Amino acid sequence: MGYELRVERERPLAHAELAAALTPAGYALRGSQEQGEVVVRHEGDEHVIATWRGRLAGEPLSDWQVAQLARMAGLLGARLIGEDGEVYAIRDGVVEQTNKDASYVFGKVEEILSAGPAQWSK
C-alpha cells in the first residue's frame, strides 16, 4: 500500500455529484454507488486514479496521478490532503504541495498531464 491522498471538503460527496462533476471533464466512474474507481484515459490506455468507498482517495505513483487528483479535487470544490496533512493543489497552472511554511512544486499542470503516467523511480 502506498501513500494515500484524500479528496476532502466540508460537505460530504455524494456519488451522483461525483459523476456530474467528473464525467464531463473526461473521467469515468466504474463500479457502484458504494464502491468503485475513477478512471482516466491517456494515449489509449485506462488508468485508475482514485477509489470511491463513500469518499474519494488515491495512491499516486507518478506526478501525473498527483496532477489528476489535484484536478479532480478542484472540479469538486474540495482539497487534496496527504496523510501528513499536506495540501496538494493547482495554483496559477502549477501543481504544488504545501505543508505549513514549506512547499514543493511538481511543475506545470499541462506539461505533467501531457507527459503521462510515467511512474516515479524508487
Protein backbone atom coordinates (compact mmCIF):
# COMPACT_ATOMS: atom_id res chain seq x y z
CA MET A 1 0.00 0.00 0.00
CA GLY A 2 1.30 3.44 -0.95
CA TYR A 3 0.84 6.93 0.36
CA GLU A 4 -2.84 7.95 0.31
CA LEU A 5 -4.16 11.33 -0.82
CA ARG A 6 -7.79 12.09 0.11
CA VAL A 7 -10.26 14.42 -1.54
CA GLU A 8 -11.95 16.30 1.31
CA ARG A 9 -14.49 19.07 1.59
CA GLU A 10 -16.86 20.43 4.20
CA ARG A 11 -19.97 18.78 2.75
CA PRO A 12 -19.71 15.03 2.10
CA LEU A 13 -19.56 13.98 -1.53
CA ALA A 14 -22.50 12.10 -3.00
CA HIS A 15 -21.86 9.61 -5.80
CA ALA A 16 -24.26 11.43 -8.14
CA GLU A 17 -22.43 14.71 -7.51
CA LEU A 18 -19.11 12.98 -8.19
CA ALA A 19 -20.38 11.68 -11.53
CA ALA A 20 -21.89 15.03 -12.52
CA ALA A 21 -18.62 16.89 -11.90
CA LEU A 22 -16.09 14.37 -13.22
CA THR A 23 -17.72 12.76 -16.27
CA PRO A 24 -17.83 15.97 -18.38
CA ALA A 25 -14.14 16.53 -17.55
CA GLY A 26 -13.13 13.19 -19.10
CA TYR A 27 -13.12 10.92 -16.07
CA ALA A 28 -15.08 7.67 -15.96
CA LEU A 29 -16.65 6.09 -12.89
CA ARG A 30 -16.68 2.31 -12.63
CA GLY A 31 -18.49 0.27 -10.03
CA SER A 32 -21.44 1.09 -7.83
CA GLN A 33 -22.56 3.98 -5.65
CA GLU A 34 -20.97 2.23 -2.68
CA GLN A 35 -17.65 1.19 -4.19
CA GLY A 36 -15.83 1.96 -7.40
CA GLU A 37 -12.95 3.58 -9.24
CA VAL A 38 -12.27 6.80 -11.11
CA VAL A 39 -10.56 6.09 -14.41
CA VAL A 40 -8.96 8.39 -16.97
CA ARG A 41 -7.55 7.59 -20.41
CA HIS A 42 -4.11 8.59 -21.66
CA GLU A 43 -2.89 7.60 -25.14
CA GLY A 44 -5.46 4.83 -25.44
CA ASP A 45 -4.82 3.23 -22.05
CA GLU A 46 -7.06 3.47 -18.99
CA HIS A 47 -5.55 4.36 -15.63
CA VAL A 48 -7.21 4.13 -12.22
CA ILE A 49 -6.70 7.45 -10.48
CA ALA A 50 -8.78 7.03 -7.34
CA THR A 51 -11.11 4.71 -5.49
CA TRP A 52 -14.59 5.52 -4.23
CA ARG A 53 -15.83 3.99 -1.00
CA GLY A 54 -18.06 6.75 0.30
CA ARG A 55 -15.02 9.02 -0.07
CA LEU A 56 -12.54 9.64 -2.86
CA ALA A 57 -8.86 8.74 -2.37
CA GLY A 58 -5.86 7.73 -4.44
CA GLU A 59 -2.35 6.35 -4.03
CA PRO A 60 -0.34 8.13 -6.73
CA LEU A 61 2.68 6.53 -8.36
CA SER A 62 3.56 9.49 -10.57
CA ASP A 63 3.40 13.28 -10.85
CA TRP A 64 0.69 12.67 -13.48
CA GLN A 65 -1.52 10.93 -10.93
CA VAL A 66 -0.93 13.71 -8.37
CA ALA A 67 -1.94 16.26 -11.03
CA GLN A 68 -5.05 14.23 -11.91
CA LEU A 69 -6.06 14.01 -8.24
CA ALA A 70 -5.47 17.74 -7.70
CA ARG A 71 -7.52 18.49 -10.83
CA MET A 72 -10.37 16.27 -9.58
CA ALA A 73 -10.33 17.96 -6.17
CA GLY A 74 -10.62 21.34 -7.87
CA LEU A 75 -13.55 20.17 -10.00
CA LEU A 76 -15.31 19.04 -6.83
CA GLY A 77 -14.61 22.21 -4.84
CA ALA A 78 -12.53 20.12 -2.46
CA ARG A 79 -8.99 19.91 -1.12
CA LEU A 80 -6.49 17.14 -1.75
CA ILE A 81 -4.90 16.18 1.57
CA GLY A 82 -1.97 13.83 2.25
CA GLU A 83 -1.57 11.50 5.21
CA ASP A 84 0.68 14.03 6.98
CA GLY A 85 -1.75 16.94 6.48
CA GLU A 86 -0.05 18.48 3.47
CA VAL A 87 -2.25 20.04 0.78
CA TYR A 88 -1.86 19.38 -2.94
CA ALA A 89 -3.38 21.90 -5.34
CA ILE A 90 -3.16 23.56 -8.72
CA ARG A 91 -2.36 27.25 -8.36
CA ASP A 92 -1.69 29.52 -11.32
CA GLY A 93 -1.38 26.46 -13.58
CA VAL A 94 1.22 24.78 -11.35
CA VAL A 95 0.79 21.61 -9.26
CA GLU A 96 2.20 22.14 -5.80
CA GLN A 97 2.29 20.63 -2.34
CA THR A 98 2.25 22.84 0.74
CA ASN A 99 2.78 21.93 4.36
CA LYS A 100 2.92 24.73 6.90
CA ASP A 101 5.64 27.08 5.59
CA ALA A 102 7.25 24.65 3.13
CA SER A 103 6.17 23.98 -0.44
CA TYR A 104 7.18 21.72 -3.30
CA VAL A 105 6.39 22.42 -6.96
CA PHE A 106 5.71 19.41 -9.19
CA GLY A 107 5.54 21.52 -12.34
CA LYS A 108 3.09 23.00 -14.83
CA VAL A 109 -0.15 21.01 -14.85
CA GLU A 110 -0.46 20.95 -18.65
CA GLU A 111 3.10 19.64 -19.08
CA ILE A 112 2.61 16.97 -16.41
CA LEU A 113 -0.70 15.80 -17.89
CA SER A 114 0.64 15.66 -21.45
CA ALA A 115 3.74 13.72 -20.31
CA GLY A 116 1.57 10.92 -18.97
CA PRO A 117 1.74 8.46 -16.09
CA ALA A 118 5.44 7.53 -16.02
CA GLN A 119 5.99 6.07 -12.56
CA TRP A 120 8.40 7.53 -10.07
CA SER A 121 11.63 5.59 -9.83
CA LYS A 122 12.43 4.14 -6.42
